[in-house]
Amino acid sequence: MSARFAPAEALAALAAQPGAAPFRELFAHGTLSVEIYRPVGEDRQQAHARDEVYVVIAGSGDFICGGERRAFVAGELLFVPAGVAHRFEHFSDDFSTWVVFYGPQGGETA
């Protein structure tokens, strides 16, 4: 099985989703889940039960993870361990990111 997703197609699928949630799962295989995420105005997400990776598609802003603030730009990869509070702030209107969840509930051990 193979999968291929382009940002424009993923964002179109997100826009077509009823209920206007800022994310949409596009692919799942085993513990792997791939989503597109595009918050509007404010990022209201909570800490997640699994490890995750963001790959920023477009935009820039600030990323707060575990109390640490860092600027981000398109193309960056951001890792968040399971259970750690995080959010995007002051992001540009064109901000969107891939979200990759993987591993067991509670995260992988180091």
PDB file of N, CA and C in Angstrom:
ATOM      1  N   MET A   1       0.844  -1.167   0.000  1.00  0.00           N
ATOM      2  CA  MET A   1       0.000   0.000   0.000  1.00  0.00           C
ATOM      3  C   MET A   1       0.897   1.240   0.000  1.00  0.00           C
ATOM      4  N   SER A   2       0.540   2.207  -0.793  1.00  0.00           N
ATOM      5  CA  SER A   2       1.272   3.466  -0.791  1.00  0.00           C
ATOM      6  C   SER A   2       0.266   4.610  -0.665  1.00  0.00           C
ATOM      7  N   ALA A   3       0.763   5.757  -0.257  1.00  0.00           N
ATOM      8  CA  ALA A   3      -0.092   6.930  -0.116  1.00  0.00           C
ATOM      9  C   ALA A   3       0.706   8.147  -0.546  1.00  0.00           C
ATOM     10  N   ARG A   4       0.005   9.090  -1.132  1.00  0.00           N
ATOM     11  CA  ARG A   4       0.645  10.323  -1.571  1.00  0.00           C
ATOM     12  C   ARG A   4      -0.344  11.458  -1.359  1.00  0.00           C
ATOM     13  N   PHE A   5       0.112  12.529  -0.731  1.00  0.00           N
ATOM     14  CA  PHE A   5      -0.749  13.671  -0.472  1.00  0.00           C
ATOM     15  C   PHE A   5      -0.003  14.949  -0.797  1.00  0.00           C
ATOM     16  N   ALA A   6      -0.614  15.810  -1.540  1.00  0.00           N
ATOM     17  CA  ALA A   6      -0.063  17.126  -1.848  1.00  0.00           C
ATOM     18  C   ALA A   6      -0.777  18.142  -0.959  1.00  0.00           C
ATOM     19  N   PRO A   7      -0.082  19.208  -0.552  1.00  0.00           N
ATOM     20  CA  PRO A   7      -0.722  20.190   0.322  1.00  0.00           C
ATOM     21  C   PRO A   7      -2.036  20.745  -0.224  1.00  0.00           C
ATOM     22  N   ALA A   8      -2.089  21.081  -1.495  1.00  0.00           N
ATOM     23  CA  ALA A   8      -3.322  21.665  -2.050  1.00  0.00           C
ATOM     24  C   ALA A   8      -4.498  20.696  -1.948  1.00  0.00           C
ATOM     25  N   GLU A   9      -4.248  19.416  -2.232  1.00  0.00           N
ATOM     26  CA  GLU A   9      -5.316  18.418  -2.140  1.00  0.00           C
ATOM     27  C   GLU A   9      -5.761  18.218  -0.686  1.00  0.00           C
ATOM     28  N   ALA A  10      -4.798  18.189   0.223  1.00  0.00           N
ATOM     29  CA  ALA A  10      -5.124  17.998   1.633  1.00  0.00           C
ATOM     30  C   ALA A  10      -5.926  19.178   2.172  1.00  0.00           C
ATOM     31  N   LEU A  11      -5.532  20.398   1.810  1.00  0.00           N
ATOM     32  CA  LEU A  11      -6.262  21.578   2.262  1.00  0.00           C
ATOM     33  C   LEU A  11      -7.667  21.629   1.660  1.00  0.00           C
ATOM     34  N   ALA A  12      -7.823  21.181   0.416  1.00  0.00           N
ATOM     35  CA  ALA A  12      -9.153  21.117  -0.197  1.00  0.00           C
ATOM     36  C   ALA A  12     -10.029  20.111   0.535  1.00  0.00           C
ATOM     37  N   ALA A  13      -9.461  18.964   0.926  1.00  0.00           N
ATOM     38  CA  ALA A  13     -10.216  17.967   1.685  1.00  0.00           C
ATOM     39  C   ALA A  13     -10.622  18.523   3.043  1.00  0.00           C
ATOM     40  N   LEU A  14      -9.751  19.286   3.669  1.00  0.00           N
ATOM     41  CA  LEU A  14     -10.067  19.913   4.948  1.00  0.00           C
ATOM     42  C   LEU A  14     -11.211  20.915   4.788  1.00  0.00           C
ATOM     43  N   ALA A  15     -11.150  21.727   3.756  1.00  0.00           N
ATOM     44  CA  ALA A  15     -12.182  22.744   3.519  1.00  0.00           C
ATOM     45  C   ALA A  15     -13.539  22.112   3.219  1.00  0.00           C
ATOM     46  N   ALA A  16     -13.533  20.935   2.609  1.00  0.00           N
ATOM     47  CA  ALA A  16     -14.779  20.252   2.253  1.00  0.00           C
ATOM     48  C   ALA A  16     -15.397  19.495   3.421  1.00  0.00           C
ATOM     49  N   GLN A  17     -14.689  19.417   4.536  1.00  0.00           N
ATOM     50  CA  GLN A  17     -15.139  18.664   5.699  1.00  0.00           C
ATOM     51  C   GLN A  17     -16.296  19.365   6.397  1.00  0.00           C
ATOM     52  N   PRO A  18     -17.378  18.652   6.646  1.00  0.00           N
ATOM     53  CA  PRO A  18     -18.483  19.267   7.384  1.00  0.00           C
ATOM     54  C   PRO A  18     -18.059  19.578   8.817  1.00  0.00           C
ATOM     55  N   GLY A  19     -18.577  20.665   9.371  1.00  0.00           N
ATOM     56  CA  GLY A  19     -18.275  21.028  10.744  1.00  0.00           C
ATOM     57  C   GLY A  19     -17.090  21.941  10.905  1.00  0.00           C
ATOM     58  N   ALA A  20     -16.329  22.166   9.853  1.00  0.00           N
ATOM     59  CA  ALA A  20     -15.218  23.117   9.831  1.00  0.00           C
ATOM     60  C   ALA A  20     -14.190  22.909  10.938  1.00  0.00           C
ATOM     61  N   ALA A  21     -13.881  21.663  11.300  1.00  0.00           N
ATOM     62  CA  ALA A  21     -12.790  21.396  12.245  1.00  0.00           C
ATOM     63  C   ALA A  21     -11.478  21.826  11.592  1.00  0.00           C
ATOM     64  N   PRO A  22     -10.488  22.259  12.373  1.00  0.00           N
ATOM     65  CA  PRO A  22      -9.236  22.735  11.787  1.00  0.00           C
ATOM     66  C   PRO A  22      -8.275  21.618  11.375  1.00  0.00           C
ATOM     67  N   PHE A  23      -8.686  20.362  11.503  1.00  0.00           N
ATOM     68  CA  PHE A  23      -7.820  19.245  11.121  1.00  0.00           C
ATOM     69  C   PHE A  23      -8.635  18.168  10.424  1.00  0.00           C
ATOM     70  N   ARG A  24      -7.915  17.330   9.694  1.00  0.00           N
ATOM     71  CA  ARG A  24      -8.570  16.184   9.058  1.00  0.00           C
ATOM     72  C   ARG A  24      -7.560  15.067   8.896  1.00  0.00           C
ATOM     73  N   GLU A  25      -7.929  13.872   9.362  1.00  0.00           N
ATOM     74  CA  GLU A  25      -7.065  12.715   9.151  1.00  0.00           C
ATOM     75  C   GLU A  25      -7.148  12.302   7.690  1.00  0.00           C
ATOM     76  N   LEU A  26      -5.991  12.093   7.087  1.00  0.00           N
ATOM     77  CA  LEU A  26      -5.926  11.720   5.679  1.00  0.00           C
ATOM     78  C   LEU A  26      -5.471  10.288   5.466  1.00  0.00           C
ATOM     79  N   PHE A  27      -4.741   9.753   6.437  1.00  0.00           N
ATOM     80  CA  PHE A  27      -4.164   8.421   6.263  1.00  0.00           C
ATOM     81  C   PHE A  27      -3.900   7.800   7.619  1.00  0.00           C
ATOM     82  N   ALA A  28      -4.136   6.491   7.731  1.00  0.00           N
ATOM     83  CA  ALA A  28      -3.815   5.751   8.947  1.00  0.00           C
ATOM     84  C   ALA A  28      -3.295   4.375   8.560  1.00  0.00           C
ATOM     85  N   HIS A  29      -2.284   3.937   9.292  1.00  0.00           N
ATOM     86  CA  HIS A  29      -1.708   2.602   9.069  1.00  0.00           C
ATOM     87  C   HIS A  29      -1.029   2.187  10.375  1.00  0.00           C
ATOM     88  N   GLY A  30      -1.543   1.139  11.015  1.00  0.00           N
ATOM     89  CA  GLY A  30      -1.003   0.742  12.314  1.00  0.00           C
ATOM     90  C   GLY A  30      -1.149   1.889  13.298  1.00  0.00           C
ATOM     91  N   THR A  31      -0.051   2.270  13.950  1.00  0.00           N
ATOM     92  CA  THR A  31      -0.104   3.379  14.903  1.00  0.00           C
ATOM     93  C   THR A  31       0.092   4.728  14.231  1.00  0.00           C
ATOM     94  N   LEU A  32       0.369   4.731  12.943  1.00  0.00           N
ATOM     95  CA  LEU A  32       0.619   5.975  12.206  1.00  0.00           C
ATOM     96  C   LEU A  32      -0.691   6.633  11.780  1.00  0.00           C
ATOM     97  N   SER A  33      -0.787   7.943  12.040  1.00  0.00           N
ATOM     98  CA  SER A  33      -1.928   8.732  11.585  1.00  0.00           C
ATOM     99  C   SER A  33      -1.377  10.035  11.020  1.00  0.00           C
ATOM    100  N   VAL A  34      -1.802  10.386   9.808  1.00  0.00           N
ATOM    101  CA  VAL A  34      -1.346  11.621   9.164  1.00  0.00           C
ATOM    102  C   VAL A  34      -2.549  12.538   8.984  1.00  0.00           C
ATOM    103  N   GLU A  35      -2.383  13.778   9.441  1.00  0.00           N
ATOM    104  CA  GLU A  35      -3.453  14.773   9.343  1.00  0.00           C
ATOM    105  C   GLU A  35      -2.936  16.042   8.687  1.00  0.00           C
ATOM    106  N   ILE A  36      -3.876  16.826   8.204  1.00  0.00           N
ATOM    107  CA  ILE A  36      -3.609  18.201   7.796  1.00  0.00           C
ATOM    108  C   ILE A  36      -4.221  19.066   8.891  1.00  0.00           C
ATOM    109  N   TYR A  37      -3.526  20.145   9.267  1.00  0.00           N
ATOM    110  CA  TYR A  37      -4.005  21.007  10.343  1.00  0.00           C
ATOM    111  C   TYR A  37      -3.846  22.455   9.915  1.00  0.00           C
ATOM    112  N   ARG A  38      -4.947  23.200  10.016  1.00  0.00           N
ATOM    113  CA  ARG A  38      -4.926  24.620   9.664  1.00  0.00           C
ATOM    114  C   ARG A  38      -5.875  25.382  10.589  1.00  0.00           C
ATOM    115  N   PRO A  39      -5.359  25.802  11.744  1.00  0.00           N
ATOM    116  CA  PRO A  39      -6.210  26.581  12.651  1.00  0.00           C
ATOM    117  C   PRO A  39      -6.452  27.973  12.083  1.00  0.00           C
ATOM    118  N   VAL A  40      -7.561  28.565  12.451  1.00  0.00           N
ATOM    119  CA  VAL A  40      -7.893  29.921  12.005  1.00  0.00           C
ATOM    120  C   VAL A  40      -7.990  30.805  13.240  1.00  0.00           C
ATOM    121  N   GLY A  41      -7.135  31.799  13.308  1.00  0.00           N
ATOM    122  CA  GLY A  41      -7.173  32.762  14.407  1.00  0.00           C
ATOM    123  C   GLY A  41      -6.503  32.316  15.679  1.00  0.00           C
ATOM    124  N   GLU A  42      -6.872  31.141  16.189  1.00  0.00           N
ATOM    125  CA  GLU A  42      -6.351  30.653  17.467  1.00  0.00           C
ATOM    126  C   GLU A  42      -6.189  29.142  17.420  1.00  0.00           C
ATOM    127  N   ASP A  43      -5.099  28.662  17.985  1.00  0.00           N
ATOM    128  CA  ASP A  43      -4.847  27.222  18.101  1.00  0.00           C
ATOM    129  C   ASP A  43      -5.341  26.787  19.471  1.00  0.00           C
ATOM    130  N   ARG A  44      -6.384  25.971  19.508  1.00  0.00           N
ATOM    131  CA  ARG A  44      -7.003  25.568  20.771  1.00  0.00           C
ATOM    132  C   ARG A  44      -6.697  24.132  21.158  1.00  0.00           C
ATOM    133  N   GLN A  45      -5.723  23.523  20.523  1.00  0.00           N
ATOM    134  CA  GLN A  45      -5.465  22.118  20.814  1.00  0.00           C
ATOM    135  C   GLN A  45      -4.916  21.902  22.218  1.00  0.00           C
ATOM    136  N   GLN A  46      -5.102  20.696  22.696  1.00  0.00           N
ATOM    137  CA  GLN A  46      -4.615  20.257  24.010  1.00  0.00           C
ATOM    138  C   GLN A  46      -3.467  19.263  23.781  1.00  0.00           C
ATOM    139  N   ALA A  47      -2.789  18.898  24.850  1.00  0.00           N
ATOM    140  CA  ALA A  47      -1.742  17.880  24.759  1.00  0.00           C
ATOM    141  C   ALA A  47      -2.349  16.584  24.215  1.00  0.00           C
ATOM    142  N   HIS A  48      -1.567  15.840  23.461  1.00  0.00           N
ATOM    143  CA  HIS A  48      -2.038  14.594  22.845  1.00  0.00           C
ATOM    144  C   HIS A  48      -1.447  13.381  23.554  1.00  0.00           C
ATOM    145  N   ALA A  49      -2.119  12.258  23.430  1.00  0.00           N
ATOM    146  CA  ALA A  49      -1.719  11.038  24.126  1.00  0.00           C
ATOM    147  C   ALA A  49      -0.587  10.285  23.431  1.00  0.00           C
ATOM    148  N   ARG A  50      -0.265  10.656  22.192  1.00  0.00           N
ATOM    149  CA  ARG A  50       0.811   9.972  21.459  1.00  0.00           C
ATOM    150  C   ARG A  50       1.856  10.990  21.012  1.00  0.00           C
ATOM    151  N   ASP A  51       3.049  10.504  20.716  1.00  0.00           N
ATOM    152  CA  ASP A  51       4.088  11.357  20.149  1.00  0.00           C
ATOM    153  C   ASP A  51       3.604  11.899  18.811  1.00  0.00           C
ATOM    154  N   GLU A  52       4.094  13.094  18.463  1.00  0.00           N
ATOM    155  CA  GLU A  52       3.688  13.668  17.178  1.00  0.00           C
ATOM    156  C   GLU A  52       4.800  14.512  16.574  1.00  0.00           C
ATOM    157  N   VAL A  53       4.711  14.638  15.270  1.00  0.00           N
ATOM    158  CA  VAL A  53       5.641  15.454  14.491  1.00  0.00           C
ATOM    159  C   VAL A  53       4.808  16.383  13.621  1.00  0.00           C
ATOM    160  N   TYR A  54       5.182  17.660  13.602  1.00  0.00           N
ATOM    161  CA  TYR A  54       4.597  18.632  12.681  1.00  0.00           C
ATOM    162  C   TYR A  54       5.630  18.914  11.601  1.00  0.00           C
ATOM    163  N   VAL A  55       5.186  18.992  10.360  1.00  0.00           N
ATOM    164  CA  VAL A  55       6.021  19.467   9.263  1.00  0.00           C
ATOM    165  C   VAL A  55       5.264  20.652   8.668  1.00  0.00           C
ATOM    166  N   VAL A  56       5.796  21.851   8.896  1.00  0.00           N
ATOM    167  CA  VAL A  56       5.099  23.070   8.510  1.00  0.00           C
ATOM    168  C   VAL A  56       5.077  23.200   6.988  1.00  0.00           C
ATOM    169  N   ILE A  57       3.880  23.262   6.425  1.00  0.00           N
ATOM    170  CA  ILE A  57       3.694  23.392   4.979  1.00  0.00           C
ATOM    171  C   ILE A  57       3.909  24.836   4.550  1.00  0.00           C
ATOM    172  N   ALA A  58       3.220  25.752   5.232  1.00  0.00           N
ATOM    173  CA  ALA A  58       3.269  27.169   4.854  1.00  0.00           C
ATOM    174  C   ALA A  58       3.074  28.016   6.094  1.00  0.00           C
ATOM    175  N   GLY A  59       3.572  29.244   6.024  1.00  0.00           N
ATOM    176  CA  GLY A  59       3.349  30.201   7.085  1.00  0.00           C
ATOM    177  C   GLY A  59       4.489  30.282   8.080  1.00  0.00           C
ATOM    178  N   SER A  60       4.269  31.115   9.073  1.00  0.00           N
ATOM    179  CA  SER A  60       5.255  31.337  10.131  1.00  0.00           C
ATOM    180  C   SER A  60       4.516  31.788  11.380  1.00  0.00           C
ATOM    181  N   GLY A  61       5.230  31.801  12.496  1.00  0.00           N
ATOM    182  CA  GLY A  61       4.643  32.229  13.760  1.00  0.00           C
ATOM    183  C   GLY A  61       5.498  31.779  14.912  1.00  0.00           C
ATOM    184  N   ASP A  62       4.870  31.572  16.054  1.00  0.00           N
ATOM    185  CA  ASP A  62       5.545  31.079  17.242  1.00  0.00           C
ATOM    186  C   ASP A  62       4.971  29.724  17.611  1.00  0.00           C
ATOM    187  N   PHE A  63       5.843  28.833  18.093  1.00  0.00           N
ATOM    188  CA  PHE A  63       5.431  27.518  18.564  1.00  0.00           C
ATOM    189  C   PHE A  63       5.818  27.419  20.030  1.00  0.00           C
ATOM    190  N   ILE A  64       4.835  27.156  20.879  1.00  0.00           N
ATOM    191  CA  ILE A  64       5.068  27.007  22.306  1.00  0.00           C
ATOM    192  C   ILE A  64       4.940  25.523  22.620  1.00  0.00           C
ATOM    193  N   CYS A  65       5.986  24.965  23.219  1.00  0.00           N
ATOM    194  CA  CYS A  65       5.997  23.540  23.542  1.00  0.00           C
ATOM    195  C   CYS A  65       6.644  23.361  24.911  1.00  0.00           C
ATOM    196  N   GLY A  66       5.869  22.835  25.852  1.00  0.00           N
ATOM    197  CA  GLY A  66       6.397  22.626  27.186  1.00  0.00           C
ATOM    198  C   GLY A  66       6.884  23.901  27.836  1.00  0.00           C
ATOM    199  N   GLY A  67       6.247  25.025  27.536  1.00  0.00           N
ATOM    200  CA  GLY A  67       6.616  26.301  28.118  1.00  0.00           C
ATOM    201  C   GLY A  67       7.704  27.051  27.374  1.00  0.00           C
ATOM    202  N   GLU A  68       8.300  26.451  26.354  1.00  0.00           N
ATOM    203  CA  GLU A  68       9.350  27.103  25.566  1.00  0.00           C
ATOM    204  C   GLU A  68       8.757  27.670  24.282  1.00  0.00           C
ATOM    205  N   ARG A  69       9.079  28.923  23.973  1.00  0.00           N
ATOM    206  CA  ARG A  69       8.587  29.590  22.759  1.00  0.00           C
ATOM    207  C   ARG A  69       9.709  29.653  21.724  1.00  0.00           C
ATOM    208  N   ARG A  70       9.369  29.285  20.466  1.00  0.00           N
ATOM    209  CA  ARG A  70      10.318  29.366  19.355  1.00  0.00           C
ATOM    210  C   ARG A  70       9.588  29.862  18.124  1.00  0.00           C
ATOM    211  N   ALA A  71      10.256  30.675  17.345  1.00  0.00           N
ATOM    212  CA  ALA A  71       9.697  31.075  16.054  1.00  0.00           C
ATOM    213  C   ALA A  71       9.787  29.878  15.108  1.00  0.00           C
ATOM    214  N   PHE A  72       8.816  29.771  14.180  1.00  0.00           N
ATOM    215  CA  PHE A  72       8.865  28.719  13.164  1.00  0.00           C
ATOM    216  C   PHE A  72       8.576  29.317  11.800  1.00  0.00           C
ATOM    217  N   VAL A  73       9.034  28.619  10.759  1.00  0.00           N
ATOM    218  CA  VAL A  73       8.777  29.005   9.371  1.00  0.00           C
ATOM    219  C   VAL A  73       8.450  27.756   8.568  1.00  0.00           C
ATOM    220  N   ALA A  74       7.958  27.953   7.361  1.00  0.00           N
ATOM    221  CA  ALA A  74       7.622  26.842   6.466  1.00  0.00           C
ATOM    222  C   ALA A  74       8.838  25.954   6.264  1.00  0.00           C
ATOM    223  N   GLY A  75       8.587  24.652   6.220  1.00  0.00           N
ATOM    224  CA  GLY A  75       9.633  23.675   5.989  1.00  0.00           C
ATOM    225  C   GLY A  75      10.185  23.061   7.258  1.00  0.00           C
ATOM    226  N   GLU A  76       9.913  23.650   8.413  1.00  0.00           N
ATOM    227  CA  GLU A  76      10.461  23.120   9.657  1.00  0.00           C
ATOM    228  C   GLU A  76       9.713  21.880  10.124  1.00  0.00           C
ATOM    229  N   LEU A  77      10.435  21.029  10.840  1.00  0.00           N
ATOM    230  CA  LEU A  77       9.885  19.852  11.484  1.00  0.00           C
ATOM    231  C   LEU A  77       9.939  20.094  12.987  1.00  0.00           C
ATOM    232  N   LEU A  78       8.817  19.869  13.667  1.00  0.00           N
ATOM    233  CA  LEU A  78       8.701  20.102  15.109  1.00  0.00           C
ATOM    234  C   LEU A  78       8.231  18.812  15.773  1.00  0.00           C
ATOM    235  N   PHE A  79       8.951  18.354  16.786  1.00  0.00           N
ATOM    236  CA  PHE A  79       8.585  17.141  17.519  1.00  0.00           C
ATOM    237  C   PHE A  79       7.955  17.507  18.849  1.00  0.00           C
ATOM    238  N   VAL A  80       6.886  16.784  19.228  1.00  0.00           N
ATOM    239  CA  VAL A  80       6.230  16.980  20.526  1.00  0.00           C
ATOM    240  C   VAL A  80       6.031  15.611  21.166  1.00  0.00           C
ATOM    241  N   PRO A  81       6.637  15.385  22.332  1.00  0.00           N
ATOM    242  CA  PRO A  81       6.402  14.119  23.034  1.00  0.00           C
ATOM    243  C   PRO A  81       4.964  14.031  23.538  1.00  0.00           C
ATOM    244  N   ALA A  82       4.473  12.833  23.679  1.00  0.00           N
ATOM    245  CA  ALA A  82       3.126  12.603  24.200  1.00  0.00           C
ATOM    246  C   ALA A  82       2.946  13.310  25.535  1.00  0.00           C
ATOM    247  N   GLY A  83       1.780  13.919  25.725  1.00  0.00           N
ATOM    248  CA  GLY A  83       1.419  14.523  26.989  1.00  0.00           C
ATOM    249  C   GLY A  83       1.948  15.930  27.238  1.00  0.00           C
ATOM    250  N   VAL A  84       2.735  16.483  26.299  1.00  0.00           N
ATOM    251  CA  VAL A  84       3.310  17.809  26.503  1.00  0.00           C
ATOM    252  C   VAL A  84       2.380  18.865  25.898  1.00  0.00           C
ATOM    253  N   ALA A  85       2.018  19.874  26.688  1.00  0.00           N
ATOM    254  CA  ALA A  85       1.170  20.963  26.214  1.00  0.00           C
ATOM    255  C   ALA A  85       1.920  21.766  25.150  1.00  0.00           C
ATOM    256  N   HIS A  86       1.218  22.101  24.080  1.00  0.00           N
ATOM    257  CA  HIS A  86       1.833  22.850  22.982  1.00  0.00           C
ATOM    258  C   HIS A  86       0.760  23.557  22.176  1.00  0.00           C
ATOM    259  N   ARG A  87       1.187  24.594  21.428  1.00  0.00           N
ATOM    260  CA  ARG A  87       0.255  25.317  20.562  1.00  0.00           C
ATOM    261  C   ARG A  87       1.041  26.253  19.653  1.00  0.00           C
ATOM    262  N   PHE A  88       0.370  26.683  18.605  1.00  0.00           N
ATOM    263  CA  PHE A  88       0.916  27.676  17.685  1.00  0.00           C
ATOM    264  C   PHE A  88       0.289  29.023  18.035  1.00  0.00           C
ATOM    265  N   GLU A  89       1.096  30.083  18.022  1.00  0.00           N
ATOM    266  CA  GLU A  89       0.591  31.424  18.300  1.00  0.00           C
ATOM    267  C   GLU A  89       1.129  32.401  17.265  1.00  0.00           C
ATOM    268  N   HIS A  90       0.422  33.513  17.107  1.00  0.00           N
ATOM    269  CA  HIS A  90       0.849  34.598  16.213  1.00  0.00           C
ATOM    270  C   HIS A  90       1.206  34.066  14.818  1.00  0.00           C
ATOM    271  N   PHE A  91       0.436  33.096  14.346  1.00  0.00           N
ATOM    272  CA  PHE A  91       0.747  32.496  13.048  1.00  0.00           C
ATOM    273  C   PHE A  91       0.106  33.288  11.913  1.00  0.00           C
ATOM    274  N   SER A  92       0.747  33.225  10.760  1.00  0.00           N
ATOM    275  CA  SER A  92       0.269  33.943   9.578  1.00  0.00           C
ATOM    276  C   SER A  92      -1.017  33.301   9.051  1.00  0.00           C
ATOM    277  N   ASP A  93      -1.760  34.058   8.269  1.00  0.00           N
ATOM    278  CA  ASP A  93      -3.041  33.585   7.727  1.00  0.00           C
ATOM    279  C   ASP A  93      -2.898  32.354   6.842  1.00  0.00           C
ATOM    280  N   ASP A  94      -1.725  32.159   6.245  1.00  0.00           N
ATOM    281  CA  ASP A  94      -1.529  31.018   5.351  1.00  0.00           C
ATOM    282  C   ASP A  94      -0.971  29.782   6.069  1.00  0.00           C
ATOM    283  N   PHE A  95      -0.886  29.831   7.402  1.00  0.00           N
ATOM    284  CA  PHE A  95      -0.297  28.715   8.153  1.00  0.00           C
ATOM    285  C   PHE A  95      -1.063  27.420   7.954  1.00  0.00           C
ATOM    286  N   SER A  96      -0.322  26.355   7.654  1.00  0.00           N
ATOM    287  CA  SER A  96      -0.852  24.992   7.620  1.00  0.00           C
ATOM    288  C   SER A  96       0.311  24.040   7.878  1.00  0.00           C
ATOM    289  N   THR A  97      -0.015  22.861   8.390  1.00  0.00           N
ATOM    290  CA  THR A  97       1.027  21.896   8.736  1.00  0.00           C
ATOM    291  C   THR A  97       0.513  20.469   8.606  1.00  0.00           C
ATOM    292  N   TRP A  98       1.431  19.569   8.250  1.00  0.00           N
ATOM    293  CA  TRP A  98       1.156  18.143   8.358  1.00  0.00           C
ATOM    294  C   TRP A  98       1.311  17.797   9.832  1.00  0.00           C
ATOM    295  N   VAL A  99       0.515  16.861  10.314  1.00  0.00           N
ATOM    296  CA  VAL A  99       0.641  16.341  11.675  1.00  0.00           C
ATOM    297  C   VAL A  99       0.764  14.830  11.557  1.00  0.00           C
ATOM    298  N   VAL A 100       1.798  14.280  12.166  1.00  0.00           N
ATOM    299  CA  VAL A 100       2.031  12.837  12.125  1.00  0.00           C
ATOM    300  C   VAL A 100       2.024  12.322  13.560  1.00  0.00           C
ATOM    301  N   PHE A 101       1.029  11.524  13.906  1.00  0.00           N
ATOM    302  CA  PHE A 101       0.961  10.853  15.200  1.00  0.00           C
ATOM    303  C   PHE A 101       1.470   9.432  15.006  1.00  0.00           C
ATOM    304  N   TYR A 102       2.172   8.926  16.014  1.00  0.00           N
ATOM    305  CA  TYR A 102       2.673   7.555  15.899  1.00  0.00           C
ATOM    306  C   TYR A 102       2.931   6.985  17.293  1.00  0.00           C
ATOM    307  N   GLY A 103       3.083   5.689  17.343  1.00  0.00           N
ATOM    308  CA  GLY A 103       3.464   5.002  18.570  1.00  0.00           C
ATOM    309  C   GLY A 103       2.295   4.781  19.507  1.00  0.00           C
ATOM    310  N   PRO A 104       2.621   4.205  20.680  1.00  0.00           N
ATOM    311  CA  PRO A 104       1.584   3.853  21.637  1.00  0.00           C
ATOM    312  C   PRO A 104       1.065   5.058  22.425  1.00  0.00           C
ATOM    313  N   GLN A 105      -0.104   4.877  23.051  1.00  0.00           N
ATOM    314  CA  GLN A 105      -0.618   5.875  23.982  1.00  0.00           C
ATOM    315  C   GLN A 105       0.446   6.087  25.058  1.00  0.00           C
ATOM    316  N   GLY A 106       0.704   7.344  25.402  1.00  0.00           N
ATOM    317  CA  GLY A 106       1.724   7.640  26.385  1.00  0.00           C
ATOM    318  C   GLY A 106       3.091   7.901  25.778  1.00  0.00           C
ATOM    319  N   GLY A 107       3.233   7.614  24.482  1.00  0.00           N
ATOM    320  CA  GLY A 107       4.483   7.878  23.780  1.00  0.00           C
ATOM    321  C   GLY A 107       5.481   6.741  23.877  1.00  0.00           C
ATOM    322  N   GLU A 108       6.501   6.847  23.046  1.00  0.00           N
ATOM    323  CA  GLU A 108       7.573   5.857  23.065  1.00  0.00           C
ATOM    324  C   GLU A 108       8.560   6.206  24.175  1.00  0.00           C
ATOM    325  N   THR A 109       9.207   5.196  24.712  1.00  0.00           N
ATOM    326  CA  THR A 109      10.225   5.449  25.732  1.00  0.00           C
ATOM    327  C   THR A 109      11.515   5.863  25.037  1.00  0.00           C
ATOM    328  N   ALA A 110      12.299   6.673  25.737  1.00  0.00           N
ATOM    329  CA  ALA A 110      13.554   7.177  25.167  1.00  0.00           C
ATOM    330  C   ALA A 110      14.574   6.055  25.020  1.00  0.00           C
TER     331      ALA A 110
END
